[in-house]
Each structure stands twice: as structure tokens, then as C-alpha cells.
Protein backbone atom coordinates (compact mmCIF):
# COMPACT_ATOMS: atom_id res chain seq x y z
CA MET A 1 -103.82 -105.10 146.56
CA ALA A 2 -101.19 -106.68 148.79
CA ARG A 3 -101.92 -109.71 150.96
CA GLU A 4 -102.70 -108.97 154.55
CA PHE A 5 -100.50 -111.77 155.87
CA LYS A 6 -97.33 -113.11 154.43
CA ARG A 7 -97.01 -116.80 153.65
CA THR A 8 -94.27 -117.23 156.29
CA ASP A 9 -96.56 -115.72 158.95
CA ARG A 10 -99.34 -118.16 158.09
CA ILE A 11 -96.93 -121.07 158.28
CA ALA A 12 -95.52 -119.86 161.54
CA ASP A 13 -98.98 -119.66 163.01
CA GLN A 14 -99.81 -123.12 161.86
CA ILE A 15 -96.51 -124.54 163.23
CA GLN A 16 -97.07 -122.74 166.59
CA ARG A 17 -100.53 -124.40 166.97
CA ASP A 18 -99.42 -127.84 165.91
CA LEU A 19 -96.13 -127.74 167.84
CA ALA A 20 -97.94 -126.77 171.13
CA GLU A 21 -100.18 -129.80 170.71
CA LEU A 22 -97.20 -132.07 169.80
CA ILE A 23 -95.19 -130.95 172.75
CA ARG A 24 -98.13 -131.46 175.10
CA SER A 25 -99.08 -134.92 173.85
CA SER A 26 -95.85 -136.45 172.44
CA ILE A 27 -92.92 -135.34 174.57
CA LYS A 28 -92.83 -137.73 177.53
CA ASP A 29 -89.55 -136.61 178.99
CA PRO A 30 -89.86 -135.65 182.65
CA ARG A 31 -87.37 -132.75 182.24
CA VAL A 32 -89.99 -131.02 180.05
CA GLY A 33 -92.54 -129.29 182.27
CA MET A 34 -95.44 -127.11 181.37
CA VAL A 35 -94.20 -125.55 178.15
CA THR A 36 -96.07 -122.74 176.28
CA VAL A 37 -95.17 -121.91 172.70
CA ASN A 38 -95.27 -118.10 172.56
CA ASP A 39 -94.05 -117.38 169.06
CA VAL A 40 -92.66 -118.96 165.99
CA VAL A 41 -90.56 -117.01 163.44
CA VAL A 42 -89.99 -118.73 160.17
CA ALA A 43 -87.18 -117.68 157.82
CA LYS A 44 -88.25 -116.41 154.35
CA ASP A 45 -86.62 -119.46 152.75
CA LEU A 46 -88.39 -121.78 155.16
CA GLY A 47 -84.97 -123.17 156.16
CA PHE A 48 -85.38 -122.46 159.90
CA ALA A 49 -88.06 -121.78 162.47
CA ASP A 50 -87.07 -120.14 165.73
CA VAL A 51 -89.55 -121.33 168.40
CA TYR A 52 -89.93 -119.17 171.54
CA VAL A 53 -91.20 -121.01 174.62
CA THR A 54 -91.83 -120.17 178.24
CA LEU A 55 -92.18 -122.48 181.22
CA LEU A 56 -95.11 -121.92 183.62
CA THR A 57 -92.99 -123.05 186.54
CA VAL A 58 -90.30 -120.44 185.97
CA ASN A 59 -90.58 -116.84 187.13
CA GLU A 60 -88.67 -113.84 185.86
CA ASN A 61 -85.96 -114.19 188.49
CA ASN A 62 -84.58 -117.46 187.46
CA ALA A 63 -84.87 -117.41 183.69
CA GLN A 64 -81.34 -118.89 183.32
CA SER A 65 -82.01 -121.67 185.78
CA ASP A 66 -81.05 -125.40 185.23
CA GLU A 67 -84.77 -126.22 184.53
CA VAL A 68 -84.89 -123.74 181.57
CA GLN A 69 -81.61 -124.97 180.15
CA GLN A 70 -82.60 -128.62 180.50
CA THR A 71 -85.97 -127.99 178.85
CA ILE A 72 -84.38 -126.11 175.95
CA LYS A 73 -81.80 -128.81 175.48
CA VAL A 74 -84.50 -131.55 175.47
CA LEU A 75 -86.63 -129.68 173.03
CA ASN A 76 -83.65 -129.03 170.72
CA GLY A 77 -82.78 -132.69 170.90
CA ALA A 78 -86.33 -133.67 170.01
CA SER A 79 -86.56 -131.19 167.15
CA GLY A 80 -86.01 -133.88 164.58
CA PHE A 81 -88.86 -135.97 165.88
CA LEU A 82 -91.13 -132.83 166.13
CA ARG A 83 -90.19 -131.83 162.66
CA SER A 84 -91.06 -135.17 161.21
CA GLU A 85 -94.41 -135.10 163.07
CA LEU A 86 -95.10 -131.61 161.76
CA GLY A 87 -94.44 -132.81 158.31
CA ARG A 88 -97.21 -135.38 158.71
CA MET A 89 -99.60 -132.64 159.95
CA ILE A 90 -98.70 -129.83 157.54
CA LYS A 91 -98.60 -130.41 153.87
CA LEU A 92 -95.43 -128.39 152.87
CA ARG A 93 -92.74 -129.44 150.54
CA MET A 94 -90.10 -128.51 153.17
CA ILE A 95 -90.54 -128.27 156.91
CA PRO A 96 -88.22 -125.90 158.60
CA GLN A 97 -85.58 -126.98 161.13
CA LEU A 98 -86.72 -126.18 164.60
CA ARG A 99 -84.62 -124.07 167.04
CA PHE A 100 -85.95 -123.60 170.49
CA HIS A 101 -85.31 -120.49 172.60
CA PHE A 102 -86.50 -119.42 176.05
CA ASP A 103 -88.71 -116.35 175.82
CA ALA A 104 -88.09 -114.15 178.82
CA SER A 105 -90.49 -111.45 177.70
CA VAL A 106 -93.42 -112.85 179.70
CA GLY A 107 -91.47 -112.65 182.98
CA GLU A 108 -90.11 -109.25 181.99
CA GLY A 109 -93.71 -108.09 181.39
CA ARG A 110 -94.76 -109.39 184.85
CA ARG A 111 -91.81 -107.54 186.45
CA LEU A 112 -92.65 -104.26 184.64
CA ASP A 113 -96.36 -104.64 185.50
CA GLY A 114 -95.35 -105.01 189.19
CA LEU A 115 -93.19 -101.88 189.00
CA ILE A 116 -95.91 -99.80 187.39
CA ASN A 117 -98.48 -100.96 190.00
CA LYS A 118 -96.05 -100.15 192.82
CA ALA A 119 -95.37 -96.66 191.34
CA ARG A 120 -99.10 -95.97 190.86
CA ALA A 121 -99.83 -97.04 194.44
CA LYS A 122 -97.02 -94.86 195.74
CA ASP A 123 -98.30 -91.86 193.75
CA ALA A 124 -101.87 -92.53 195.09
CA SER A 125 -100.60 -92.62 198.68
CA LEU A 126 -98.62 -89.46 198.30
CA SER A 127 -101.34 -87.23 196.88
CA PRO A 128 -104.86 -88.22 198.12
CA GLU A 129 -106.16 -84.65 197.35
CA SER A 130 -105.44 -85.21 193.57
CA GLN A 131 -107.68 -88.23 193.62
CA ASP A 132 -110.53 -86.04 195.10
CA ASN A 133 -109.97 -83.54 192.35
CA THR A 134 -110.17 -86.14 189.58
CA GLN A 135 -113.25 -87.81 191.08
CA GLY A 136 -114.90 -84.43 191.32
CA ASP A 137 -114.12 -83.58 187.63
CA SER A 138 -115.65 -86.93 186.38
CA GLU A 139 -119.00 -86.22 188.24
CA GLU A 140 -119.56 -83.00 186.40
């Protein structure tokens, strides 16, 4: 029977947990705000780990702002330090090199959710009789 999770997936999950704690507690640079580690993708040979982060202070409209670029630059600059700290926390022969990327999917999800809610509200306001029909059907 095949394993349910690949080794690289388990390593990525562990790196994500430990890296989130390290960034929160060890990075004292004022240019790094409230960073959330959304995902870590580890290469099969464990050479690289792509770390996808979001900033709580950034919305979907300014994903390419100076704040985002500065934060990614600082995190990539601190990747050697973070990698060495991960090496102390995780017992692996080789810790992957860290590459940080901004994850715009959270902002895009908020934008799409807003569009869906707006469309549903518009549909509801255009056809109030269809709501009466659906409520009547559920009572039977």
C-alpha cells in the first residue's frame, strides 16, 4: 500500500510550522510586518523550498506595493539565518535553501468572494418572487 503523504510533503509541513514561529520570534527587522506563512513547497531533492507568505497589512489591490517588495527582500536576505535555525530544529541531513514569494491568492480569494456576494445580492434584488418560491418548496 502506498504511503498517504510523501516525505517532501511532511518536511514542507514541518518547515512551515517552524518557519512561522521563527519569523514571528526571531526576525526583528521593522520592515517585516505581520507575515503569515501560507505554504511551503519542497523540491524532490530537498535542494530548495519555496515559501509563500502573505502580509496581513496588504490587501488585494496593492499586492506589488513597496511594503511587499521590502518584506520579501528582507526575508530572502535572512534566509541563511532562518535556514540555520531550521537546521537546529529539524533533524535532516540537508535543509533546503529558502526562497520567499508573496502569495496573492488570499487577496484574490477575498476579491472573488466579494464579487460572488455582490452577484448574489443583485440576483436576489432582481427576482424576489423566486425567493418566495424556494422558501415555499422547502416548507413542504
